[in-house]
Amino acid sequence: MAAIAYTLLQRAILCQHGTGSRLAKSMEHDLKGKLSIAAYAAAILCAQIEQWISDALYISVATVWFIPDKRLHAAARE
């Protein structure tokens, strides 16, 4: 759910700034957001089979988001 909310928020911010802005160019390749959505979907499916796999996926997604996004820092410095 958090990844979907982040994706919607990101799209709203990018619409506000325009597609040609520095922010839009820095956010073009959002691999972390797309992988998060895929991992959450896989966790939901795996919860039916083995709960520990689902838990591991949720924990790994949360851990990945502790790593700062260098693209945003680079865009803010310019």
C-alpha atoms as a PDB file:
ATOM      1  CA  MET A   1       0.000   0.000   0.000  1.00  0.00           C
ATOM      2  CA  ALA A   2       2.824   2.384   0.849  1.00  0.00           C
ATOM      3  CA  ALA A   3       4.481   1.839  -2.540  1.00  0.00           C
ATOM      4  CA  ILE A   4       1.235   2.606  -4.358  1.00  0.00           C
ATOM      5  CA  ALA A   5       0.728   5.757  -2.287  1.00  0.00           C
ATOM      6  CA  TYR A   6       4.331   6.817  -2.992  1.00  0.00           C
ATOM      7  CA  THR A   7       3.858   6.265  -6.718  1.00  0.00           C
ATOM      8  CA  LEU A   8       0.654   8.333  -6.758  1.00  0.00           C
ATOM      9  CA  LEU A   9       2.303  11.115  -4.749  1.00  0.00           C
ATOM     10  CA  GLN A  10       5.311  11.086  -7.058  1.00  0.00           C
ATOM     11  CA  ARG A  11       3.082  11.399 -10.129  1.00  0.00           C
ATOM     12  CA  ALA A  12       1.155  14.287  -8.567  1.00  0.00           C
ATOM     13  CA  ILE A  13       4.374  16.146  -7.761  1.00  0.00           C
ATOM     14  CA  LEU A  14       5.757  15.542 -11.239  1.00  0.00           C
ATOM     15  CA  CYS A  15       2.533  16.821 -12.813  1.00  0.00           C
ATOM     16  CA  GLN A  16       2.865  19.978 -10.737  1.00  0.00           C
ATOM     17  CA  HIS A  17       6.479  20.589 -11.806  1.00  0.00           C
ATOM     18  CA  GLY A  18       6.108  19.500 -15.419  1.00  0.00           C
ATOM     19  CA  THR A  19       7.745  16.753 -17.430  1.00  0.00           C
ATOM     20  CA  GLY A  20      10.755  18.839 -18.436  1.00  0.00           C
ATOM     21  CA  SER A  21      11.807  19.855 -14.928  1.00  0.00           C
ATOM     22  CA  ARG A  22      15.017  18.733 -13.225  1.00  0.00           C
ATOM     23  CA  LEU A  23      12.927  16.813 -10.720  1.00  0.00           C
ATOM     24  CA  ALA A  24      11.090  14.931 -13.471  1.00  0.00           C
ATOM     25  CA  LYS A  25      14.345  14.024 -15.195  1.00  0.00           C
ATOM     26  CA  SER A  26      15.861  12.780 -11.949  1.00  0.00           C
ATOM     27  CA  MET A  27      12.813  10.612 -11.224  1.00  0.00           C
ATOM     28  CA  GLU A  28      12.519   9.024 -14.674  1.00  0.00           C
ATOM     29  CA  HIS A  29      13.934   5.647 -13.685  1.00  0.00           C
ATOM     30  CA  ASP A  30      12.238   4.826 -10.402  1.00  0.00           C
ATOM     31  CA  LEU A  31      13.431   1.267  -9.988  1.00  0.00           C
ATOM     32  CA  LYS A  32      13.011   1.255  -6.206  1.00  0.00           C
ATOM     33  CA  GLY A  33       9.340   2.262  -6.416  1.00  0.00           C
ATOM     34  CA  LYS A  34       8.517  -0.291  -9.104  1.00  0.00           C
ATOM     35  CA  LEU A  35      10.330  -3.087  -7.287  1.00  0.00           C
ATOM     36  CA  SER A  36       8.509  -2.178  -4.090  1.00  0.00           C
ATOM     37  CA  ILE A  37       5.126  -2.573  -5.732  1.00  0.00           C
ATOM     38  CA  ALA A  38       6.188  -5.917  -7.215  1.00  0.00           C
ATOM     39  CA  ALA A  39       7.548  -7.119  -3.862  1.00  0.00           C
ATOM     40  CA  TYR A  40       4.358  -6.108  -2.056  1.00  0.00           C
ATOM     41  CA  ALA A  41       2.265  -7.978  -4.635  1.00  0.00           C
ATOM     42  CA  ALA A  42       4.493 -11.037  -4.289  1.00  0.00           C
ATOM     43  CA  ALA A  43       4.247 -10.804  -0.488  1.00  0.00           C
ATOM     44  CA  ILE A  44       0.469 -10.831  -0.657  1.00  0.00           C
ATOM     45  CA  LEU A  45       0.522 -13.929  -2.854  1.00  0.00           C
ATOM     46  CA  CYS A  46       3.174 -15.650  -0.724  1.00  0.00           C
ATOM     47  CA  ALA A  47       1.188 -15.027   2.447  1.00  0.00           C
ATOM     48  CA  GLN A  48      -1.209 -17.730   1.292  1.00  0.00           C
ATOM     49  CA  ILE A  49       1.635 -20.243   1.020  1.00  0.00           C
ATOM     50  CA  GLU A  50       4.282 -19.373   3.635  1.00  0.00           C
ATOM     51  CA  GLN A  51       3.988 -16.421   5.969  1.00  0.00           C
ATOM     52  CA  TRP A  52       7.734 -16.145   6.594  1.00  0.00           C
ATOM     53  CA  ILE A  53       8.370 -15.438   2.896  1.00  0.00           C
ATOM     54  CA  SER A  54       5.789 -12.683   3.000  1.00  0.00           C
ATOM     55  CA  ASP A  55       7.330 -11.243   6.168  1.00  0.00           C
ATOM     56  CA  ALA A  56      10.804 -11.327   4.608  1.00  0.00           C
ATOM     57  CA  LEU A  57       9.561  -9.429   1.550  1.00  0.00           C
ATOM     58  CA  TYR A  58       7.897  -6.745   3.687  1.00  0.00           C
ATOM     59  CA  ILE A  59      11.026  -6.336   5.802  1.00  0.00           C
ATOM     60  CA  SER A  60      13.284  -6.149   2.745  1.00  0.00           C
ATOM     61  CA  VAL A  61      11.153  -3.427   1.146  1.00  0.00           C
ATOM     62  CA  ALA A  62      11.150  -1.411   4.358  1.00  0.00           C
ATOM     63  CA  THR A  63      14.920  -1.793   4.649  1.00  0.00           C
ATOM     64  CA  VAL A  64      15.511  -0.636   1.075  1.00  0.00           C
ATOM     65  CA  TRP A  65      13.624   2.595   1.751  1.00  0.00           C
ATOM     66  CA  PHE A  66      16.057   3.543   4.516  1.00  0.00           C
ATOM     67  CA  ILE A  67      18.685   4.080   1.809  1.00  0.00           C
ATOM     68  CA  PRO A  68      18.499   7.725   0.639  1.00  0.00           C
ATOM     69  CA  ASP A  69      17.608   8.381  -2.971  1.00  0.00           C
ATOM     70  CA  LYS A  70      20.701   9.954  -4.570  1.00  0.00           C
ATOM     71  CA  ARG A  71      18.741  11.213  -7.572  1.00  0.00           C
ATOM     72  CA  LEU A  72      16.740  13.628  -5.440  1.00  0.00           C
ATOM     73  CA  HIS A  73      19.824  14.932  -3.669  1.00  0.00           C
ATOM     74  CA  ALA A  74      21.572  15.509  -6.992  1.00  0.00           C
ATOM     75  CA  ALA A  75      18.542  17.336  -8.404  1.00  0.00           C
ATOM     76  CA  ALA A  76      18.291  19.534  -5.302  1.00  0.00           C
ATOM     77  CA  ARG A  77      21.954  20.585  -5.573  1.00  0.00           C
ATOM     78  CA  GLU A  78      21.625  21.761  -9.187  1.00  0.00           C
END
